[in-house]
Amino acid sequence: MARQEMALAKPKRGQLWEVDFEPQTHKQEPGKRGRPALVIQTDVLNDAGHSTTIVIPCSTQVYRDSMGDGFPLRVMLGKIIKSGQLAQDTDVLIDQIRTIANQRFMGNKALAELPRAQLKRVEEALKILTGA
């Protein structure tokens, strides 16, 4: 699927979108065309037509520790997400937060929307990792 213009993609905070992360700048960064990413940017900027969006890449290479997931470096999403569905278990890679150009969004609609409880868990992990 080709990249779509931002006129079609209208991301909202808490939504998962398919994103083109190629080309990969550094090998430590998640690359891959068509990787899901969680929009965490405020809707104030999203609605204003800002040219970039803050996202957190996701991975289907899940990690489970003795507590059940890799929190706070990862937040487990599972397969089914409110108003959408992921084909595989998916983790949000909290330590990989980045800003992308809006042209990197693929398609014209979100893959899914996180339930409020899962979005709060992402926010908690971000606070731990940023010292906020």
Protein backbone atom coordinates (compact mmCIF):
# COMPACT_ATOMS: atom_id res chain seq x y z
CA MET A 1 0.00 0.00 0.00
CA ALA A 2 1.41 3.41 -0.90
CA ARG A 3 1.73 6.21 1.57
CA GLN A 4 -1.36 8.35 1.77
CA GLU A 5 -1.48 12.12 1.99
CA MET A 6 -2.33 13.56 5.40
CA ALA A 7 -5.63 14.81 3.99
CA LEU A 8 -6.80 11.20 4.23
CA ALA A 9 -5.05 10.19 7.47
CA LYS A 10 -6.59 11.89 10.50
CA PRO A 11 -4.83 10.34 13.51
CA LYS A 12 -6.20 10.77 17.02
CA ARG A 13 -4.50 10.17 20.34
CA GLY A 14 -4.87 6.54 21.39
CA GLN A 15 -5.30 5.14 17.89
CA LEU A 16 -3.09 2.52 16.25
CA TRP A 17 -2.12 3.30 12.67
CA GLU A 18 -0.10 1.43 10.10
CA VAL A 19 3.12 3.42 9.54
CA ASP A 20 6.01 3.22 7.08
CA PHE A 21 9.20 3.36 9.19
CA GLU A 22 11.51 2.80 6.20
CA PRO A 23 14.16 3.88 5.66
CA GLN A 24 15.46 2.86 9.07
CA THR A 25 18.01 5.44 10.32
CA HIS A 26 19.77 3.25 12.89
CA LYS A 27 19.69 -0.52 13.36
CA GLN A 28 18.45 -0.07 16.95
CA GLU A 29 15.28 1.63 15.70
CA PRO A 30 12.30 -0.40 14.59
CA GLY A 31 12.13 -0.32 10.82
CA LYS A 32 9.60 -1.99 8.59
CA ARG A 33 6.99 -0.80 6.22
CA GLY A 34 3.50 -1.33 7.59
CA ARG A 35 4.39 -1.47 11.30
CA PRO A 36 1.60 -0.51 13.74
CA ALA A 37 2.26 2.60 15.80
CA LEU A 38 0.34 4.22 18.65
CA VAL A 39 -0.47 7.93 18.30
CA ILE A 40 0.31 9.68 21.60
CA GLN A 41 0.38 13.28 20.39
CA THR A 42 -2.33 15.54 21.79
CA ASP A 43 -5.41 16.00 19.62
CA VAL A 44 -4.85 19.77 19.82
CA LEU A 45 -1.94 19.31 17.40
CA ASN A 46 -3.62 16.46 15.50
CA ASP A 47 -6.69 18.60 14.79
CA ALA A 48 -4.57 21.65 13.87
CA GLY A 49 -3.05 19.85 10.89
CA HIS A 50 0.45 19.79 12.40
CA SER A 51 2.93 18.37 9.86
CA THR A 52 4.37 15.73 12.21
CA THR A 53 2.92 13.33 14.78
CA ILE A 54 4.40 11.75 17.93
CA VAL A 55 3.98 7.97 17.88
CA ILE A 56 5.28 4.86 19.60
CA PRO A 57 6.09 1.90 17.32
CA CYS A 58 4.64 -1.51 18.13
CA SER A 59 6.02 -4.99 17.65
CA THR A 60 4.59 -8.46 17.21
CA GLN A 61 7.81 -9.85 18.71
CA VAL A 62 6.26 -9.85 22.16
CA TYR A 63 8.16 -10.11 25.42
CA ARG A 64 6.75 -11.57 28.62
CA ASP A 65 8.59 -11.39 31.93
CA SER A 66 7.61 -12.92 35.27
CA MET A 67 5.07 -10.10 35.78
CA GLY A 68 3.31 -10.85 32.49
CA ASP A 69 4.83 -8.25 30.17
CA GLY A 70 7.88 -6.02 29.87
CA PHE A 71 6.44 -2.99 31.67
CA PRO A 72 7.59 -0.19 31.65
CA LEU A 73 9.61 -0.76 28.45
CA ARG A 74 6.65 -2.49 26.81
CA VAL A 75 2.90 -2.42 27.20
CA MET A 76 1.01 -5.50 26.04
CA LEU A 77 -1.93 -4.89 23.73
CA GLY A 78 -2.93 -8.46 22.96
CA LYS A 79 -4.85 -9.30 19.79
CA ILE A 80 -8.22 -7.58 20.12
CA ILE A 81 -8.40 -3.82 20.53
CA LYS A 82 -11.53 -1.66 20.87
CA SER A 83 -13.02 -0.81 17.45
CA GLY A 84 -10.47 -2.84 15.53
CA GLN A 85 -8.46 -6.02 15.53
CA LEU A 86 -4.79 -6.91 15.36
CA ALA A 87 -3.91 -10.24 13.78
CA GLN A 88 -1.18 -11.03 16.34
CA ASP A 89 -0.28 -10.27 19.93
CA THR A 90 1.35 -6.83 19.94
CA ASP A 91 3.51 -4.80 22.34
CA VAL A 92 3.95 -1.01 22.38
CA LEU A 93 7.70 -0.26 22.46
CA ILE A 94 7.62 2.56 25.01
CA ASP A 95 11.34 3.37 24.77
CA GLN A 96 11.11 3.90 20.98
CA ILE A 97 8.93 7.06 21.01
CA ARG A 98 9.47 9.22 17.93
CA THR A 99 8.10 12.00 15.79
CA ILE A 100 7.24 11.10 12.21
CA ALA A 101 6.19 13.07 9.14
CA ASN A 102 2.48 12.62 8.54
CA GLN A 103 3.21 11.21 5.07
CA ARG A 104 4.44 8.03 6.83
CA PHE A 105 0.85 7.08 7.82
CA MET A 106 -0.50 4.34 5.58
CA GLY A 107 -4.18 4.10 4.71
CA ASN A 108 -7.00 6.44 5.55
CA LYS A 109 -8.19 5.00 8.87
CA ALA A 110 -6.82 3.68 12.13
CA LEU A 111 -6.24 -0.04 12.64
CA ALA A 112 -7.72 0.16 16.13
CA GLU A 113 -8.30 2.37 19.15
CA LEU A 114 -6.92 1.57 22.59
CA PRO A 115 -9.36 1.23 25.47
CA ARG A 116 -8.85 3.95 28.07
CA ALA A 117 -7.28 1.51 30.59
CA GLN A 118 -4.57 0.48 28.12
CA LEU A 119 -3.85 4.09 27.14
CA LYS A 120 -3.45 4.93 30.85
CA ARG A 121 -0.93 2.07 31.18
CA VAL A 122 1.05 3.54 28.25
CA GLU A 123 0.93 6.96 29.94
CA GLU A 124 2.18 5.43 33.22
CA ALA A 125 5.08 3.76 31.40
CA LEU A 126 5.98 7.04 29.67
CA LYS A 127 6.04 8.84 33.02
CA ILE A 128 8.40 6.23 34.47
CA LEU A 129 10.75 6.36 31.47
CA THR A 130 10.80 10.17 31.20
CA GLY A 131 10.94 10.88 34.93
CA ALA A 132 7.83 13.05 34.65
